[in-house]
Amino acid sequence: MVTIYDIAKKTGFSVTTVSKAINNYPDVSEKTKKAILQAVDEMKYLPNSSARTLTTKKSWTIGVVFVEPLGIGMKHPFFNEVIESFKQCVEVFEYDLLFASRNLQNRHKSYLEHFRYRGVDGIVVVCSDVEDSQAQELMNASIPCVVIDLNSQSSSVVFSDNLGGSKLAVEYLHSLGHKRIAHIAGHETTFAGQQRLEGYRANMKELSLEVPEDYIVSGEYFSQEGGYEAMKKLLQLKDLPTAIYAAGDSLAIGAIEAIQEKGWSVPNDFSIIGFDDISLAKHMSPRLTTIRQQTDLIGQRAGELLLKQINEKRKIIEQIQIPVKLMIRDSCKNVD
């Protein structure tokens, strides 16, 4: 069986340096770490987990929480893509992920209590609900933590540029000649919903475009059904919008369904733009114009930020905003 001494002999570094590199200590250069980890991979070195835990006083486990109201869980496209990227970032340093069961709340045990009992080294939380008490408890705790899709002054957070995304969406529709632009909003308790609505209002005002009160309709928690019901309300208006900016791709897909059900067409009768760029967006008909969230970068930055806290043995409060990008496809068109 390959030992840490074999790795040291192959690379020419001391056993101490090899151990520090494997355990991601900050006082090892990236060049040295890369060479050692390459040897670890080539020689198929597998450290003894119990010995490693005793030596480093770490569990080498990271807790994962996904707080969302739809009950979709790991099938949710945003969660799935972000956590996959996060996993790829931390598994290089041999961390395992421990997913919290959604049944914990039924047993009167909080996520924080559960993870402390399991001895995790840090926690990643994916949560958009600004009012969720469980997420707030995790953010306020002393354990290393990073929260995705929220902003906070009490924890490290990583989130997309929702305001900038709204600006891209509204300005693009305006560049096509649209002046009557409606908004299907996310739920008012969600960070993304609040930010994207705020961005919509601000940029409509900046372009001197009127926003009738009934041009803003809630799509609830970003579901396809929510988008469908919201669009049905918009289609009942006397003064119909020519374009709709939906706060999420699922909302946009539901809106297109409602439009087509009435015998109208996208983009000939209505232009639709979404937000997220889920995998379905480029395969549906019409292909959805949308604002892309860089889920790979969100997960990577979250992983780096959490590892930094774990390695430095201190809680760090930092806000990282990830840029978004306009993806022009087929669901919008010029108007005369």
C-alpha atoms as a PDB file:
ATOM      1  CA  MET A   1       0.000   0.000   0.000  1.00  0.00           C
ATOM      2  CA  VAL A   2       1.293   3.463  -0.925  1.00  0.00           C
ATOM      3  CA  THR A   3       2.229   5.604   2.100  1.00  0.00           C
ATOM      4  CA  ILE A   4       2.886   9.285   2.631  1.00  0.00           C
ATOM      5  CA  TYR A   5       6.612   8.427   2.728  1.00  0.00           C
ATOM      6  CA  ASP A   6       6.370   7.042  -0.808  1.00  0.00           C
ATOM      7  CA  ILE A   7       4.824  10.332  -1.964  1.00  0.00           C
ATOM      8  CA  ALA A   8       7.655  12.250  -0.276  1.00  0.00           C
ATOM      9  CA  LYS A   9      10.304  10.079  -1.938  1.00  0.00           C
ATOM     10  CA  LYS A  10       8.751  10.477  -5.402  1.00  0.00           C
ATOM     11  CA  THR A  11       8.313  14.262  -5.208  1.00  0.00           C
ATOM     12  CA  GLY A  12      11.475  15.118  -3.269  1.00  0.00           C
ATOM     13  CA  PHE A  13       9.530  17.061  -0.640  1.00  0.00           C
ATOM     14  CA  SER A  14       9.592  16.368   3.075  1.00  0.00           C
ATOM     15  CA  VAL A  15       6.919  14.215   4.713  1.00  0.00           C
ATOM     16  CA  THR A  16       5.709  17.340   6.560  1.00  0.00           C
ATOM     17  CA  THR A  17       5.295  19.296   3.336  1.00  0.00           C
ATOM     18  CA  VAL A  18       3.476  16.401   1.675  1.00  0.00           C
ATOM     19  CA  SER A  19       1.130  16.103   4.650  1.00  0.00           C
ATOM     20  CA  LYS A  20       0.417  19.832   4.612  1.00  0.00           C
ATOM     21  CA  ALA A  21      -0.263  19.779   0.862  1.00  0.00           C
ATOM     22  CA  ILE A  22      -2.637  16.838   1.139  1.00  0.00           C
ATOM     23  CA  ASN A  23      -4.456  18.527   4.013  1.00  0.00           C
ATOM     24  CA  ASN A  24      -4.612  21.889   2.193  1.00  0.00           C
ATOM     25  CA  TYR A  25      -2.579  23.951   4.636  1.00  0.00           C
ATOM     26  CA  PRO A  26      -2.197  27.599   3.489  1.00  0.00           C
ATOM     27  CA  ASP A  27       1.601  27.754   3.960  1.00  0.00           C
ATOM     28  CA  VAL A  28       2.283  25.447   0.969  1.00  0.00           C
ATOM     29  CA  SER A  29       2.703  27.133  -2.419  1.00  0.00           C
ATOM     30  CA  GLU A  30       0.264  26.297  -5.204  1.00  0.00           C
ATOM     31  CA  LYS A  31       3.119  24.979  -7.367  1.00  0.00           C
ATOM     32  CA  THR A  32       4.281  22.585  -4.623  1.00  0.00           C
ATOM     33  CA  LYS A  33       0.732  21.537  -3.815  1.00  0.00           C
ATOM     34  CA  LYS A  34      -0.005  20.818  -7.467  1.00  0.00           C
ATOM     35  CA  ALA A  35       3.097  18.611  -7.829  1.00  0.00           C
ATOM     36  CA  ILE A  36       2.288  16.648  -4.674  1.00  0.00           C
ATOM     37  CA  LEU A  37      -1.371  16.163  -5.517  1.00  0.00           C
ATOM     38  CA  GLN A  38      -0.400  14.982  -8.995  1.00  0.00           C
ATOM     39  CA  ALA A  39       1.834  12.334  -7.415  1.00  0.00           C
ATOM     40  CA  VAL A  40      -0.963  11.391  -5.013  1.00  0.00           C
ATOM     41  CA  ASP A  41      -3.234  10.815  -7.990  1.00  0.00           C
ATOM     42  CA  GLU A  42      -0.661   8.921 -10.055  1.00  0.00           C
ATOM     43  CA  MET A  43       0.302   6.638  -7.174  1.00  0.00           C
ATOM     44  CA  LYS A  44      -3.319   6.170  -6.088  1.00  0.00           C
ATOM     45  CA  TYR A  45      -2.509   7.134  -2.511  1.00  0.00           C
ATOM     46  CA  LEU A  46      -5.452   6.704  -0.130  1.00  0.00           C
ATOM     47  CA  PRO A  47      -4.942   8.263   3.321  1.00  0.00           C
ATOM     48  CA  ASN A  48      -6.407   6.451   6.307  1.00  0.00           C
ATOM     49  CA  SER A  49      -9.439   8.508   7.268  1.00  0.00           C
ATOM     50  CA  SER A  50      -9.276   7.781  11.003  1.00  0.00           C
ATOM     51  CA  ALA A  51      -5.583   8.607  11.206  1.00  0.00           C
ATOM     52  CA  ARG A  52      -6.071  11.733   9.142  1.00  0.00           C
ATOM     53  CA  THR A  53      -8.903  12.894  11.407  1.00  0.00           C
ATOM     54  CA  LEU A  54      -6.786  12.372  14.529  1.00  0.00           C
ATOM     55  CA  THR A  55      -3.795  14.140  12.978  1.00  0.00           C
ATOM     56  CA  THR A  56      -5.608  17.157  11.556  1.00  0.00           C
ATOM     57  CA  LYS A  57      -8.537  17.348  14.008  1.00  0.00           C
ATOM     58  CA  LYS A  58     -10.867  17.609  11.034  1.00  0.00           C
ATOM     59  CA  SER A  59     -13.764  15.386   9.994  1.00  0.00           C
ATOM     60  CA  TRP A  60     -13.120  16.075   6.297  1.00  0.00           C
ATOM     61  CA  THR A  61     -16.860  16.439   5.855  1.00  0.00           C
ATOM     62  CA  ILE A  62     -18.879  19.446   4.682  1.00  0.00           C
ATOM     63  CA  GLY A  63     -22.584  19.781   5.451  1.00  0.00           C
ATOM     64  CA  VAL A  64     -24.954  20.717   2.618  1.00  0.00           C
ATOM     65  CA  VAL A  65     -28.386  22.329   3.061  1.00  0.00           C
ATOM     66  CA  PHE A  66     -30.845  23.251   0.323  1.00  0.00           C
ATOM     67  CA  VAL A  67     -33.766  25.338   1.533  1.00  0.00           C
ATOM     68  CA  GLU A  68     -36.558  25.626  -1.047  1.00  0.00           C
ATOM     69  CA  PRO A  69     -40.365  25.556  -0.786  1.00  0.00           C
ATOM     70  CA  LEU A  70     -41.244  23.528  -3.893  1.00  0.00           C
ATOM     71  CA  GLY A  71     -40.097  20.135  -2.629  1.00  0.00           C
ATOM     72  CA  ILE A  72     -37.999  19.534  -5.759  1.00  0.00           C
ATOM     73  CA  GLY A  73     -34.837  18.937  -3.755  1.00  0.00           C
ATOM     74  CA  MET A  74     -31.734  17.720  -5.602  1.00  0.00           C
ATOM     75  CA  LYS A  75     -33.646  17.645  -8.899  1.00  0.00           C
ATOM     76  CA  HIS A  76     -33.774  21.463  -8.862  1.00  0.00           C
ATOM     77  CA  PRO A  77     -31.551  22.565 -11.803  1.00  0.00           C
ATOM     78  CA  PHE A  78     -29.926  25.501  -9.981  1.00  0.00           C
ATOM     79  CA  PHE A  79     -29.068  23.425  -6.893  1.00  0.00           C
ATOM     80  CA  ASN A  80     -27.870  20.499  -8.970  1.00  0.00           C
ATOM     81  CA  GLU A  81     -25.478  22.550 -11.093  1.00  0.00           C
ATOM     82  CA  VAL A  82     -24.126  24.692  -8.247  1.00  0.00           C
ATOM     83  CA  ILE A  83     -23.513  21.787  -5.871  1.00  0.00           C
ATOM     84  CA  GLU A  84     -21.809  19.748  -8.606  1.00  0.00           C
ATOM     85  CA  SER A  85     -19.359  22.602  -9.162  1.00  0.00           C
ATOM     86  CA  PHE A  86     -18.916  23.026  -5.386  1.00  0.00           C
ATOM     87  CA  LYS A  87     -18.250  19.292  -5.030  1.00  0.00           C
ATOM     88  CA  GLN A  88     -15.610  19.343  -7.759  1.00  0.00           C
ATOM     89  CA  CYS A  89     -13.848  22.180  -5.945  1.00  0.00           C
ATOM     90  CA  VAL A  90     -13.710  20.567  -2.475  1.00  0.00           C
ATOM     91  CA  GLU A  91     -13.257  16.917  -3.472  1.00  0.00           C
ATOM     92  CA  VAL A  92      -9.775  17.767  -4.798  1.00  0.00           C
ATOM     93  CA  PHE A  93      -8.839  18.123  -1.128  1.00  0.00           C
ATOM     94  CA  GLU A  94     -10.669  14.884  -0.234  1.00  0.00           C
ATOM     95  CA  TYR A  95     -13.705  16.394   1.467  1.00  0.00           C
ATOM     96  CA  ASP A  96     -16.969  14.449   1.522  1.00  0.00           C
ATOM     97  CA  LEU A  97     -20.412  16.056   1.416  1.00  0.00           C
ATOM     98  CA  LEU A  98     -23.103  15.318   3.993  1.00  0.00           C
ATOM     99  CA  PHE A  99     -26.588  16.286   2.801  1.00  0.00           C
ATOM    100  CA  ALA A 100     -29.075  17.298   5.495  1.00  0.00           C
ATOM    101  CA  SER A 101     -32.360  15.421   5.416  1.00  0.00           C
ATOM    102  CA  ARG A 102     -35.467  17.544   4.939  1.00  0.00           C
ATOM    103  CA  ASN A 103     -37.065  15.408   7.695  1.00  0.00           C
ATOM    104  CA  LEU A 104     -34.874  17.000  10.375  1.00  0.00           C
ATOM    105  CA  GLN A 105     -37.409  19.715  11.118  1.00  0.00           C
ATOM    106  CA  ASN A 106     -40.053  17.084  11.848  1.00  0.00           C
ATOM    107  CA  ARG A 107     -37.767  15.687  14.537  1.00  0.00           C
ATOM    108  CA  HIS A 108     -37.364  19.072  16.240  1.00  0.00           C
ATOM    109  CA  LYS A 109     -33.663  19.207  15.469  1.00  0.00           C
ATOM    110  CA  SER A 110     -32.191  22.171  13.617  1.00  0.00           C
ATOM    111  CA  TYR A 111     -29.704  21.873  10.774  1.00  0.00           C
ATOM    112  CA  LEU A 112     -27.080  23.530  12.965  1.00  0.00           C
ATOM    113  CA  GLU A 113     -27.607  21.004  15.785  1.00  0.00           C
ATOM    114  CA  HIS A 114     -27.459  18.139  13.305  1.00  0.00           C
ATOM    115  CA  PHE A 115     -24.218  19.285  11.719  1.00  0.00           C
ATOM    116  CA  ARG A 116     -22.570  19.999  15.061  1.00  0.00           C
ATOM    117  CA  TYR A 117     -23.490  16.499  16.170  1.00  0.00           C
ATOM    118  CA  ARG A 118     -21.969  15.077  12.979  1.00  0.00           C
ATOM    119  CA  GLY A 119     -18.839  17.205  13.465  1.00  0.00           C
ATOM    120  CA  VAL A 120     -18.658  18.748  10.000  1.00  0.00           C
ATOM    121  CA  ASP A 121     -15.825  21.160   9.249  1.00  0.00           C
ATOM    122  CA  GLY A 122     -18.056  23.648   7.446  1.00  0.00           C
ATOM    123  CA  ILE A 123     -21.466  24.141   5.893  1.00  0.00           C
ATOM    124  CA  VAL A 124     -22.714  25.306   2.493  1.00  0.00           C
ATOM    125  CA  VAL A 125     -26.288  26.579   2.356  1.00  0.00           C
ATOM    126  CA  VAL A 126     -28.267  27.121  -0.848  1.00  0.00           C
ATOM    127  CA  CYS A 127     -31.203  29.336   0.095  1.00  0.00           C
ATOM    128  CA  SER A 128     -33.107  32.224  -1.515  1.00  0.00           C
ATOM    129  CA  ASP A 129     -35.642  32.746   1.293  1.00  0.00           C
ATOM    130  CA  VAL A 130     -34.580  35.815   3.289  1.00  0.00           C
ATOM    131  CA  GLU A 131     -37.009  34.903   6.094  1.00  0.00           C
ATOM    132  CA  ASP A 132     -35.922  31.291   6.647  1.00  0.00           C
ATOM    133  CA  SER A 133     -34.996  30.943  10.333  1.00  0.00           C
ATOM    134  CA  GLN A 134     -32.901  27.784   9.827  1.00  0.00           C
ATOM    135  CA  ALA A 135     -30.690  29.524   7.273  1.00  0.00           C
ATOM    136  CA  GLN A 136     -30.380  32.581   9.527  1.00  0.00           C
ATOM    137  CA  GLU A 137     -29.266  30.373  12.422  1.00  0.00           C
ATOM    138  CA  LEU A 138     -26.558  28.808  10.264  1.00  0.00           C
ATOM    139  CA  MET A 139     -25.355  32.204   9.035  1.00  0.00           C
ATOM    140  CA  ASN A 140     -25.112  33.585  12.584  1.00  0.00           C
ATOM    141  CA  ALA A 141     -23.281  30.548  14.012  1.00  0.00           C
ATOM    142  CA  SER A 142     -19.516  30.416  14.578  1.00  0.00           C
ATOM    143  CA  ILE A 143     -18.990  27.358  12.355  1.00  0.00           C
ATOM    144  CA  PRO A 144     -17.441  28.114   8.918  1.00  0.00           C
ATOM    145  CA  CYS A 145     -20.328  28.693   6.530  1.00  0.00           C
ATOM    146  CA  VAL A 146     -20.992  30.002   3.038  1.00  0.00           C
ATOM    147  CA  VAL A 147     -24.473  30.816   1.742  1.00  0.00           C
ATOM    148  CA  ILE A 148     -25.407  30.724  -1.935  1.00  0.00           C
ATOM    149  CA  ASP A 149     -28.192  32.880  -3.415  1.00  0.00           C
ATOM    150  CA  LEU A 150     -28.564  35.268  -0.470  1.00  0.00           C
ATOM    151  CA  ASN A 151     -26.822  38.387   0.759  1.00  0.00           C
ATOM    152  CA  SER A 152     -25.913  38.756   4.407  1.00  0.00           C
ATOM    153  CA  GLN A 153     -23.688  40.788   6.721  1.00  0.00           C
ATOM    154  CA  SER A 154     -23.220  37.869   9.148  1.00  0.00           C
ATOM    155  CA  SER A 155     -21.827  35.199   6.808  1.00  0.00           C
ATOM    156  CA  SER A 156     -19.861  34.650   3.634  1.00  0.00           C
ATOM    157  CA  VAL A 157     -22.202  34.701   0.642  1.00  0.00           C
ATOM    158  CA  VAL A 158     -22.020  34.074  -3.100  1.00  0.00           C
ATOM    159  CA  PHE A 159     -24.799  35.278  -5.387  1.00  0.00           C
ATOM    160  CA  SER A 160     -25.485  36.308  -8.967  1.00  0.00           C
ATOM    161  CA  ASP A 161     -25.744  39.918 -10.122  1.00  0.00           C
ATOM    162  CA  ASN A 162     -29.548  39.978 -10.135  1.00  0.00           C
ATOM    163  CA  LEU A 163     -29.780  43.746 -10.531  1.00  0.00           C
ATOM    164  CA  GLY A 164     -27.383  43.710 -13.470  1.00  0.00           C
ATOM    165  CA  GLY A 165     -29.288  40.804 -15.011  1.00  0.00           C
ATOM    166  CA  SER A 166     -32.545  42.745 -14.860  1.00  0.00           C
ATOM    167  CA  LYS A 167     -30.826  45.674 -16.536  1.00  0.00           C
ATOM    168  CA  LEU A 168     -29.626  43.424 -19.371  1.00  0.00           C
ATOM    169  CA  ALA A 169     -33.124  41.979 -19.814  1.00  0.00           C
ATOM    170  CA  VAL A 170     -35.018  45.279 -19.845  1.00  0.00           C
ATOM    171  CA  GLU A 171     -32.470  47.074 -22.024  1.00  0.00           C
ATOM    172  CA  TYR A 172     -32.455  44.247 -24.562  1.00  0.00           C
ATOM    173  CA  LEU A 173     -36.253  44.258 -24.877  1.00  0.00           C
ATOM    174  CA  HIS A 174     -36.203  48.061 -25.190  1.00  0.00           C
ATOM    175  CA  SER A 175     -33.540  47.826 -27.921  1.00  0.00           C
ATOM    176  CA  LEU A 176     -36.010  45.685 -29.900  1.00  0.00           C
ATOM    177  CA  GLY A 177     -38.567  48.487 -29.713  1.00  0.00           C
ATOM    178  CA  HIS A 178     -40.654  47.232 -26.772  1.00  0.00           C
ATOM    179  CA  LYS A 179     -42.134  49.841 -24.469  1.00  0.00           C
ATOM    180  CA  ARG A 180     -44.897  47.848 -22.765  1.00  0.00           C
ATOM    181  CA  ILE A 181     -42.782  45.408 -20.771  1.00  0.00           C
ATOM    182  CA  ALA A 182     -44.398  43.382 -17.974  1.00  0.00           C
ATOM    183  CA  HIS A 183     -42.644  41.434 -15.222  1.00  0.00           C
ATOM    184  CA  ILE A 184     -43.458  38.018 -13.775  1.00  0.00           C
ATOM    185  CA  ALA A 185     -41.768  38.244 -10.390  1.00  0.00           C
ATOM    186  CA  GLY A 186     -40.379  35.632  -8.032  1.00  0.00           C
ATOM    187  CA  HIS A 187     -41.811  35.360  -4.534  1.00  0.00           C
ATOM    188  CA  GLU A 188     -41.467  38.522  -2.433  1.00  0.00           C
ATOM    189  CA  THR A 189     -39.622  36.643   0.354  1.00  0.00           C
ATOM    190  CA  THR A 190     -36.863  35.425  -1.973  1.00  0.00           C
ATOM    191  CA  PHE A 191     -33.635  37.354  -2.395  1.00  0.00           C
ATOM    192  CA  ALA A 192     -33.525  36.731  -6.150  1.00  0.00           C
ATOM    193  CA  GLY A 193     -37.178  37.731  -6.546  1.00  0.00           C
ATOM    194  CA  GLN A 194     -36.659  40.965  -4.633  1.00  0.00           C
ATOM    195  CA  GLN A 195     -33.488  41.883  -6.509  1.00  0.00           C
ATOM    196  CA  ARG A 196     -34.819  41.115  -9.979  1.00  0.00           C
ATOM    197  CA  LEU A 197     -38.017  43.079  -9.339  1.00  0.00           C
ATOM    198  CA  GLU A 198     -35.992  46.005  -8.010  1.00  0.00           C
ATOM    199  CA  GLY A 199     -33.781  45.874 -11.095  1.00  0.00           C
ATOM    200  CA  TYR A 200     -36.815  45.773 -13.382  1.00  0.00           C
ATOM    201  CA  ARG A 201     -38.405  48.822 -11.731  1.00  0.00           C
ATOM    202  CA  ALA A 202     -35.155  50.803 -11.704  1.00  0.00           C
ATOM    203  CA  ASN A 203     -34.333  50.212 -15.358  1.00  0.00           C
ATOM    204  CA  MET A 204     -37.865  50.822 -16.589  1.00  0.00           C
ATOM    205  CA  LYS A 205     -37.665  54.174 -14.778  1.00  0.00           C
ATOM    206  CA  GLU A 206     -34.222  54.847 -16.235  1.00  0.00           C
ATOM    207  CA  LEU A 207     -35.614  54.297 -19.745  1.00  0.00           C
ATOM    208  CA  SER A 208     -38.665  56.486 -18.953  1.00  0.00           C
ATOM    209  CA  LEU A 209     -40.990  53.515 -19.520  1.00  0.00           C
ATOM    210  CA  GLU A 210     -44.301  53.373 -17.702  1.00  0.00           C
ATOM    211  CA  VAL A 211     -44.965  50.478 -15.314  1.00  0.00           C
ATOM    212  CA  PRO A 212     -48.723  50.063 -14.751  1.00  0.00           C
ATOM    213  CA  GLU A 213     -49.484  48.367 -11.432  1.00  0.00           C
ATOM    214  CA  ASP A 214     -51.000  45.333 -13.149  1.00  0.00           C
ATOM    215  CA  TYR A 215     -47.859  44.815 -15.273  1.00  0.00           C
ATOM    216  CA  ILE A 216     -46.149  43.212 -12.263  1.00  0.00           C
ATOM    217  CA  VAL A 217     -47.554  39.778 -11.378  1.00  0.00           C
ATOM    218  CA  SER A 218     -46.178  37.314  -8.837  1.00  0.00           C
ATOM    219  CA  GLY A 219     -45.089  33.930 -10.143  1.00  0.00           C
ATOM    220  CA  GLU A 220     -44.683  32.709  -6.562  1.00  0.00           C
ATOM    221  CA  TYR A 221     -41.682  30.402  -6.025  1.00  0.00           C
ATOM    222  CA  PHE A 222     -40.266  30.387  -9.565  1.00  0.00           C
ATOM    223  CA  SER A 223     -42.319  27.390 -10.692  1.00  0.00           C
ATOM    224  CA  GLN A 224     -43.639  26.674 -14.183  1.00  0.00           C
ATOM    225  CA  GLU A 225     -47.168  26.641 -12.756  1.00  0.00           C
ATOM    226  CA  GLY A 226     -46.546  30.056 -11.209  1.00  0.00           C
ATOM    227  CA  GLY A 227     -45.457  31.473 -14.567  1.00  0.00           C
ATOM    228  CA  TYR A 228     -48.483  29.939 -16.267  1.00  0.00           C
ATOM    229  CA  GLU A 229     -50.972  31.484 -13.807  1.00  0.00           C
ATOM    230  CA  ALA A 230     -49.204  34.861 -13.852  1.00  0.00           C
ATOM    231  CA  MET A 231     -49.298  35.002 -17.662  1.00  0.00           C
ATOM    232  CA  LYS A 232     -53.006  34.156 -17.670  1.00  0.00           C
ATOM    233  CA  LYS A 233     -53.570  37.295 -15.559  1.00  0.00           C
ATOM    234  CA  LEU A 234     -51.498  39.420 -17.935  1.00  0.00           C
ATOM    235  CA  LEU A 235     -53.477  38.122 -20.920  1.00  0.00           C
ATOM    236  CA  GLN A 236     -56.672  39.429 -19.328  1.00  0.00           C
ATOM    237  CA  LEU A 237     -55.444  43.044 -19.368  1.00  0.00           C
ATOM    238  CA  LYS A 238     -57.047  45.565 -21.679  1.00  0.00           C
ATOM    239  CA  ASP A 239     -53.685  47.094 -22.592  1.00  0.00           C
ATOM    240  CA  LEU A 240     -51.566  44.010 -23.260  1.00  0.00           C
ATOM    241  CA  PRO A 241     -47.771  44.124 -22.876  1.00  0.00           C
ATOM    242  CA  THR A 242     -45.694  43.277 -25.937  1.00  0.00           C
ATOM    243  CA  ALA A 243     -42.878  41.742 -23.899  1.00  0.00           C
ATOM    244  CA  ILE A 244     -42.511  39.902 -20.601  1.00  0.00           C
ATOM    245  CA  TYR A 245     -39.415  39.648 -18.440  1.00  0.00           C
ATOM    246  CA  ALA A 246     -39.785  36.583 -16.212  1.00  0.00           C
ATOM    247  CA  ALA A 247     -37.633  36.358 -13.080  1.00  0.00           C
ATOM    248  CA  GLY A 248     -36.809  32.702 -13.795  1.00  0.00           C
ATOM    249  CA  ASP A 249     -36.717  30.322 -16.745  1.00  0.00           C
ATOM    250  CA  SER A 250     -39.386  28.062 -15.245  1.00  0.00           C
ATOM    251  CA  LEU A 251     -41.644  31.113 -14.976  1.00  0.00           C
ATOM    252  CA  ALA A 252     -40.900  31.964 -18.614  1.00  0.00           C
ATOM    253  CA  ILE A 253     -41.695  28.411 -19.742  1.00  0.00           C
ATOM    254  CA  GLY A 254     -45.020  28.535 -17.912  1.00  0.00           C
ATOM    255  CA  ALA A 255     -45.790  31.910 -19.481  1.00  0.00           C
ATOM    256  CA  ILE A 256     -45.108  30.556 -22.984  1.00  0.00           C
ATOM    257  CA  GLU A 257     -47.454  27.651 -22.280  1.00  0.00           C
ATOM    258  CA  ALA A 258     -50.250  30.053 -21.303  1.00  0.00           C
ATOM    259  CA  ILE A 259     -49.675  32.174 -24.419  1.00  0.00           C
ATOM    260  CA  GLN A 260     -49.715  29.200 -26.775  1.00  0.00           C
ATOM    261  CA  GLU A 261     -52.800  27.781 -25.072  1.00  0.00           C
ATOM    262  CA  LYS A 262     -54.662  30.950 -26.087  1.00  0.00           C
ATOM    263  CA  GLY A 263     -53.604  30.528 -29.703  1.00  0.00           C
ATOM    264  CA  TRP A 264     -50.943  33.221 -29.632  1.00  0.00           C
ATOM    265  CA  SER A 265     -47.293  32.863 -30.532  1.00  0.00           C
ATOM    266  CA  VAL A 266     -43.885  33.580 -29.019  1.00  0.00           C
ATOM    267  CA  PRO A 267     -42.181  35.662 -30.302  1.00  0.00           C
ATOM    268  CA  ASN A 268     -44.649  36.851 -32.989  1.00  0.00           C
ATOM    269  CA  ASP A 269     -47.263  38.091 -30.508  1.00  0.00           C
ATOM    270  CA  PHE A 270     -45.217  38.353 -27.298  1.00  0.00           C
ATOM    271  CA  SER A 271     -41.499  38.454 -26.611  1.00  0.00           C
ATOM    272  CA  ILE A 272     -40.351  36.507 -23.540  1.00  0.00           C
ATOM    273  CA  ILE A 273     -37.036  36.658 -21.687  1.00  0.00           C
ATOM    274  CA  GLY A 274     -36.140  34.509 -18.672  1.00  0.00           C
ATOM    275  CA  PHE A 275     -33.408  34.336 -16.033  1.00  0.00           C
ATOM    276  CA  ASP A 276     -31.116  31.395 -15.104  1.00  0.00           C
ATOM    277  CA  ASP A 277     -30.356  29.626 -18.420  1.00  0.00           C
ATOM    278  CA  ILE A 278     -31.360  26.167 -17.240  1.00  0.00           C
ATOM    279  CA  SER A 279     -30.437  23.335 -19.624  1.00  0.00           C
ATOM    280  CA  LEU A 280     -33.974  23.165 -21.084  1.00  0.00           C
ATOM    281  CA  ALA A 281     -33.840  26.815 -22.204  1.00  0.00           C
ATOM    282  CA  LYS A 282     -31.802  26.165 -25.353  1.00  0.00           C
ATOM    283  CA  HIS A 283     -33.684  22.999 -26.316  1.00  0.00           C
ATOM    284  CA  MET A 284     -37.309  24.169 -26.103  1.00  0.00           C
ATOM    285  CA  SER A 285     -39.324  25.735 -28.919  1.00  0.00           C
ATOM    286  CA  PRO A 286     -38.853  28.622 -29.262  1.00  0.00           C
ATOM    287  CA  ARG A 287     -35.387  28.541 -27.757  1.00  0.00           C
ATOM    288  CA  LEU A 288     -35.526  30.823 -24.732  1.00  0.00           C
ATOM    289  CA  THR A 289     -33.662  34.120 -24.590  1.00  0.00           C
ATOM    290  CA  THR A 290     -32.494  34.425 -20.997  1.00  0.00           C
ATOM    291  CA  ILE A 291     -29.975  35.741 -18.482  1.00  0.00           C
ATOM    292  CA  ARG A 292     -27.360  33.110 -17.682  1.00  0.00           C
ATOM    293  CA  GLN A 293     -26.257  32.491 -14.117  1.00  0.00           C
ATOM    294  CA  GLN A 294     -22.703  31.114 -14.005  1.00  0.00           C
ATOM    295  CA  THR A 295     -23.540  28.177 -11.761  1.00  0.00           C
ATOM    296  CA  ASP A 296     -20.088  26.634 -12.236  1.00  0.00           C
ATOM    297  CA  LEU A 297     -18.407  29.815 -10.987  1.00  0.00           C
ATOM    298  CA  ILE A 298     -20.899  30.200  -8.115  1.00  0.00           C
ATOM    299  CA  GLY A 299     -20.105  26.706  -6.854  1.00  0.00           C
ATOM    300  CA  GLN A 300     -16.363  27.143  -7.317  1.00  0.00           C
ATOM    301  CA  ARG A 301     -16.208  30.479  -5.474  1.00  0.00           C
ATOM    302  CA  ALA A 302     -18.358  29.095  -2.665  1.00  0.00           C
ATOM    303  CA  GLY A 303     -16.025  26.109  -2.315  1.00  0.00           C
ATOM    304  CA  GLU A 304     -12.905  28.283  -2.255  1.00  0.00           C
ATOM    305  CA  LEU A 305     -14.422  30.623   0.319  1.00  0.00           C
ATOM    306  CA  LEU A 306     -15.473  27.799   2.630  1.00  0.00           C
ATOM    307  CA  LEU A 307     -12.101  26.028   2.381  1.00  0.00           C
ATOM    308  CA  LYS A 308     -10.364  29.295   3.239  1.00  0.00           C
ATOM    309  CA  GLN A 309     -12.399  29.560   6.449  1.00  0.00           C
ATOM    310  CA  ILE A 310     -11.769  25.919   7.373  1.00  0.00           C
ATOM    311  CA  ASN A 311      -8.018  26.170   6.766  1.00  0.00           C
ATOM    312  CA  GLU A 312      -7.624  29.464   8.625  1.00  0.00           C
ATOM    313  CA  LYS A 313      -9.841  28.195  11.464  1.00  0.00           C
ATOM    314  CA  ARG A 314     -11.922  31.360  11.542  1.00  0.00           C
ATOM    315  CA  LYS A 315     -15.212  32.624  10.233  1.00  0.00           C
ATOM    316  CA  ILE A 316     -14.837  35.039   7.332  1.00  0.00           C
ATOM    317  CA  ILE A 317     -17.583  37.433   6.256  1.00  0.00           C
ATOM    318  CA  GLU A 318     -17.272  38.196   2.553  1.00  0.00           C
ATOM    319  CA  GLN A 319     -19.733  38.949  -0.251  1.00  0.00           C
ATOM    320  CA  ILE A 320     -18.965  37.684  -3.748  1.00  0.00           C
ATOM    321  CA  GLN A 321     -21.202  38.741  -6.633  1.00  0.00           C
ATOM    322  CA  ILE A 322     -20.973  36.663  -9.816  1.00  0.00           C
ATOM    323  CA  PRO A 323     -21.557  38.371 -13.201  1.00  0.00           C
ATOM    324  CA  VAL A 324     -24.396  37.244 -15.466  1.00  0.00           C
ATOM    325  CA  LYS A 325     -24.694  37.149 -19.254  1.00  0.00           C
ATOM    326  CA  LEU A 326     -27.453  37.774 -21.803  1.00  0.00           C
ATOM    327  CA  MET A 327     -28.115  34.696 -23.973  1.00  0.00           C
ATOM    328  CA  ILE A 328     -29.939  35.777 -27.142  1.00  0.00           C
ATOM    329  CA  ARG A 329     -32.014  33.033 -28.756  1.00  0.00           C
ATOM    330  CA  ASP A 330     -35.444  32.913 -30.423  1.00  0.00           C
ATOM    331  CA  SER A 331     -38.115  34.040 -27.947  1.00  0.00           C
ATOM    332  CA  CYS A 332     -37.792  37.798 -28.569  1.00  0.00           C
ATOM    333  CA  LYS A 333     -38.269  39.851 -31.741  1.00  0.00           C
ATOM    334  CA  ASN A 334     -38.289  43.434 -32.960  1.00  0.00           C
ATOM    335  CA  VAL A 335     -41.563  45.362 -32.888  1.00  0.00           C
ATOM    336  CA  ASP A 336     -42.540  48.103 -35.337  1.00  0.00           C
END
